[in-house]
Amino acid sequence: MSVHLLLSAGRGPQECAWALSRLLRRLEADATRHRLTTTRLETVPGERPGTYRSALIGVDGTKAAAFVAPRTGTLCWQAPSPYRPSPGR
């Protein structure tokens, strides 16, 4: 079975594109641990190297739907900004 998953930084600042790139790597590693295959079908790069505004990935394997199901919805990623030392947020 194959499932597509869209990840998006929306209209957020550069930190959101950075968080999306970290999320994408974690998701791919987690899928590998579950013996699933991921494919980056399409990516839209962010302003900074190695970041993404959005990514469409395919998840393939017999339990792909079960793997993706709890990973849908909105995610709030909290981390210090790698770009601004003190954004005041």
C-alpha atoms as a PDB file:
ATOM      1  CA  MET A   1       0.000   0.000   0.000  1.00  0.00           C
ATOM      2  CA  SER A   2       1.162   3.529  -0.727  1.00  0.00           C
ATOM      3  CA  VAL A   3       0.124   6.690   1.118  1.00  0.00           C
ATOM      4  CA  HIS A   4       1.028  10.298   0.330  1.00  0.00           C
ATOM      5  CA  LEU A   5       1.767  12.759   3.104  1.00  0.00           C
ATOM      6  CA  LEU A   6       2.050  16.538   2.603  1.00  0.00           C
ATOM      7  CA  LEU A   7       4.216  18.479   5.031  1.00  0.00           C
ATOM      8  CA  SER A   8       3.995  22.277   4.920  1.00  0.00           C
ATOM      9  CA  ALA A   9       5.593  25.196   6.736  1.00  0.00           C
ATOM     10  CA  GLY A  10       2.619  27.289   5.676  1.00  0.00           C
ATOM     11  CA  ARG A  11       3.207  31.034   5.774  1.00  0.00           C
ATOM     12  CA  GLY A  12       5.472  30.761   8.787  1.00  0.00           C
ATOM     13  CA  PRO A  13       8.901  32.352   9.151  1.00  0.00           C
ATOM     14  CA  GLN A  14      12.200  30.710   8.172  1.00  0.00           C
ATOM     15  CA  GLU A  15      12.203  28.737  11.406  1.00  0.00           C
ATOM     16  CA  CYS A  16       9.137  26.846  10.174  1.00  0.00           C
ATOM     17  CA  ALA A  17      10.980  25.738   7.020  1.00  0.00           C
ATOM     18  CA  TRP A  18      13.882  24.656   9.245  1.00  0.00           C
ATOM     19  CA  ALA A  19      11.524  22.669  11.507  1.00  0.00           C
ATOM     20  CA  LEU A  20       9.923  21.016   8.481  1.00  0.00           C
ATOM     21  CA  SER A  21      13.317  19.779   7.270  1.00  0.00           C
ATOM     22  CA  ARG A  22      14.010  18.271  10.722  1.00  0.00           C
ATOM     23  CA  LEU A  23      10.540  16.715  10.830  1.00  0.00           C
ATOM     24  CA  LEU A  24      11.037  15.207   7.374  1.00  0.00           C
ATOM     25  CA  ARG A  25      14.304  13.540   8.401  1.00  0.00           C
ATOM     26  CA  ARG A  26      12.745  12.157  11.603  1.00  0.00           C
ATOM     27  CA  LEU A  27       9.726  10.843   9.736  1.00  0.00           C
ATOM     28  CA  GLU A  28      11.922   9.110   7.150  1.00  0.00           C
ATOM     29  CA  ALA A  29      14.074   7.526   9.871  1.00  0.00           C
ATOM     30  CA  ASP A  30      11.000   6.386  11.800  1.00  0.00           C
ATOM     31  CA  ALA A  31       9.497   4.862   8.647  1.00  0.00           C
ATOM     32  CA  THR A  32      12.729   2.946   8.026  1.00  0.00           C
ATOM     33  CA  ARG A  33      12.583   1.548  11.575  1.00  0.00           C
ATOM     34  CA  HIS A  34       9.049   0.350  10.795  1.00  0.00           C
ATOM     35  CA  ARG A  35      10.313  -1.305   7.582  1.00  0.00           C
ATOM     36  CA  LEU A  36       8.525   1.171   5.347  1.00  0.00           C
ATOM     37  CA  THR A  37       9.946   2.972   2.323  1.00  0.00           C
ATOM     38  CA  THR A  38       9.668   6.731   1.855  1.00  0.00           C
ATOM     39  CA  THR A  39      10.108   8.689  -1.353  1.00  0.00           C
ATOM     40  CA  ARG A  40      10.366  12.466  -1.631  1.00  0.00           C
ATOM     41  CA  LEU A  41       7.935  13.018  -4.483  1.00  0.00           C
ATOM     42  CA  GLU A  42       8.186  16.803  -4.536  1.00  0.00           C
ATOM     43  CA  THR A  43       9.859  19.452  -2.387  1.00  0.00           C
ATOM     44  CA  VAL A  44       9.734  23.236  -2.357  1.00  0.00           C
ATOM     45  CA  PRO A  45      12.960  24.629  -0.920  1.00  0.00           C
ATOM     46  CA  GLY A  46      13.018  27.272   1.790  1.00  0.00           C
ATOM     47  CA  GLU A  47      15.044  30.472   1.745  1.00  0.00           C
ATOM     48  CA  ARG A  48      17.930  28.876   3.631  1.00  0.00           C
ATOM     49  CA  PRO A  49      19.965  25.862   2.444  1.00  0.00           C
ATOM     50  CA  GLY A  50      18.593  22.525   3.600  1.00  0.00           C
ATOM     51  CA  THR A  51      15.144  23.862   4.524  1.00  0.00           C
ATOM     52  CA  TYR A  52      11.767  23.221   2.903  1.00  0.00           C
ATOM     53  CA  ARG A  53       8.568  25.225   2.563  1.00  0.00           C
ATOM     54  CA  SER A  54       6.754  21.982   1.725  1.00  0.00           C
ATOM     55  CA  ALA A  55       7.387  18.338   0.934  1.00  0.00           C
ATOM     56  CA  LEU A  56       5.182  15.648  -0.559  1.00  0.00           C
ATOM     57  CA  ILE A  57       6.357  12.198   0.434  1.00  0.00           C
ATOM     58  CA  GLY A  58       5.168   8.737  -0.426  1.00  0.00           C
ATOM     59  CA  VAL A  59       5.148   6.059   2.262  1.00  0.00           C
ATOM     60  CA  ASP A  60       5.106   2.491   0.948  1.00  0.00           C
ATOM     61  CA  GLY A  61       4.587  -0.774   2.778  1.00  0.00           C
ATOM     62  CA  THR A  62       1.882  -3.012   4.143  1.00  0.00           C
ATOM     63  CA  LYS A  63       1.349  -0.829   7.234  1.00  0.00           C
ATOM     64  CA  ALA A  64       1.832   2.595   5.583  1.00  0.00           C
ATOM     65  CA  ALA A  65      -1.689   3.826   6.377  1.00  0.00           C
ATOM     66  CA  ALA A  66      -1.356   2.842  10.043  1.00  0.00           C
ATOM     67  CA  PHE A  67       2.043   4.572  10.211  1.00  0.00           C
ATOM     68  CA  VAL A  68       0.747   7.831   8.691  1.00  0.00           C
ATOM     69  CA  ALA A  69      -2.582   8.012  10.565  1.00  0.00           C
ATOM     70  CA  PRO A  70      -1.260   9.302  13.916  1.00  0.00           C
ATOM     71  CA  ARG A  71       1.074  11.706  12.095  1.00  0.00           C
ATOM     72  CA  THR A  72      -1.620  13.826  10.465  1.00  0.00           C
ATOM     73  CA  GLY A  73      -2.811  17.201  11.699  1.00  0.00           C
ATOM     74  CA  THR A  74      -1.014  20.235  13.061  1.00  0.00           C
ATOM     75  CA  LEU A  75       2.307  19.995  14.849  1.00  0.00           C
ATOM     76  CA  CYS A  76       3.700  22.637  17.182  1.00  0.00           C
ATOM     77  CA  TRP A  77       7.497  22.410  17.139  1.00  0.00           C
ATOM     78  CA  GLN A  78       9.230  24.432  19.847  1.00  0.00           C
ATOM     79  CA  ALA A  79      12.976  24.981  19.645  1.00  0.00           C
ATOM     80  CA  PRO A  80      15.461  27.834  19.849  1.00  0.00           C
ATOM     81  CA  SER A  81      15.779  29.671  16.544  1.00  0.00           C
ATOM     82  CA  PRO A  82      18.912  28.787  14.582  1.00  0.00           C
ATOM     83  CA  TYR A  83      18.605  32.157  12.788  1.00  0.00           C
ATOM     84  CA  ARG A  84      17.597  34.716  15.427  1.00  0.00           C
ATOM     85  CA  PRO A  85      19.182  34.683  18.879  1.00  0.00           C
ATOM     86  CA  SER A  86      16.199  36.312  20.605  1.00  0.00           C
ATOM     87  CA  PRO A  87      13.089  36.791  18.470  1.00  0.00           C
ATOM     88  CA  GLY A  88      10.993  37.933  21.437  1.00  0.00           C
ATOM     89  CA  ARG A  89       8.211  35.412  20.887  1.00  0.00           C
END
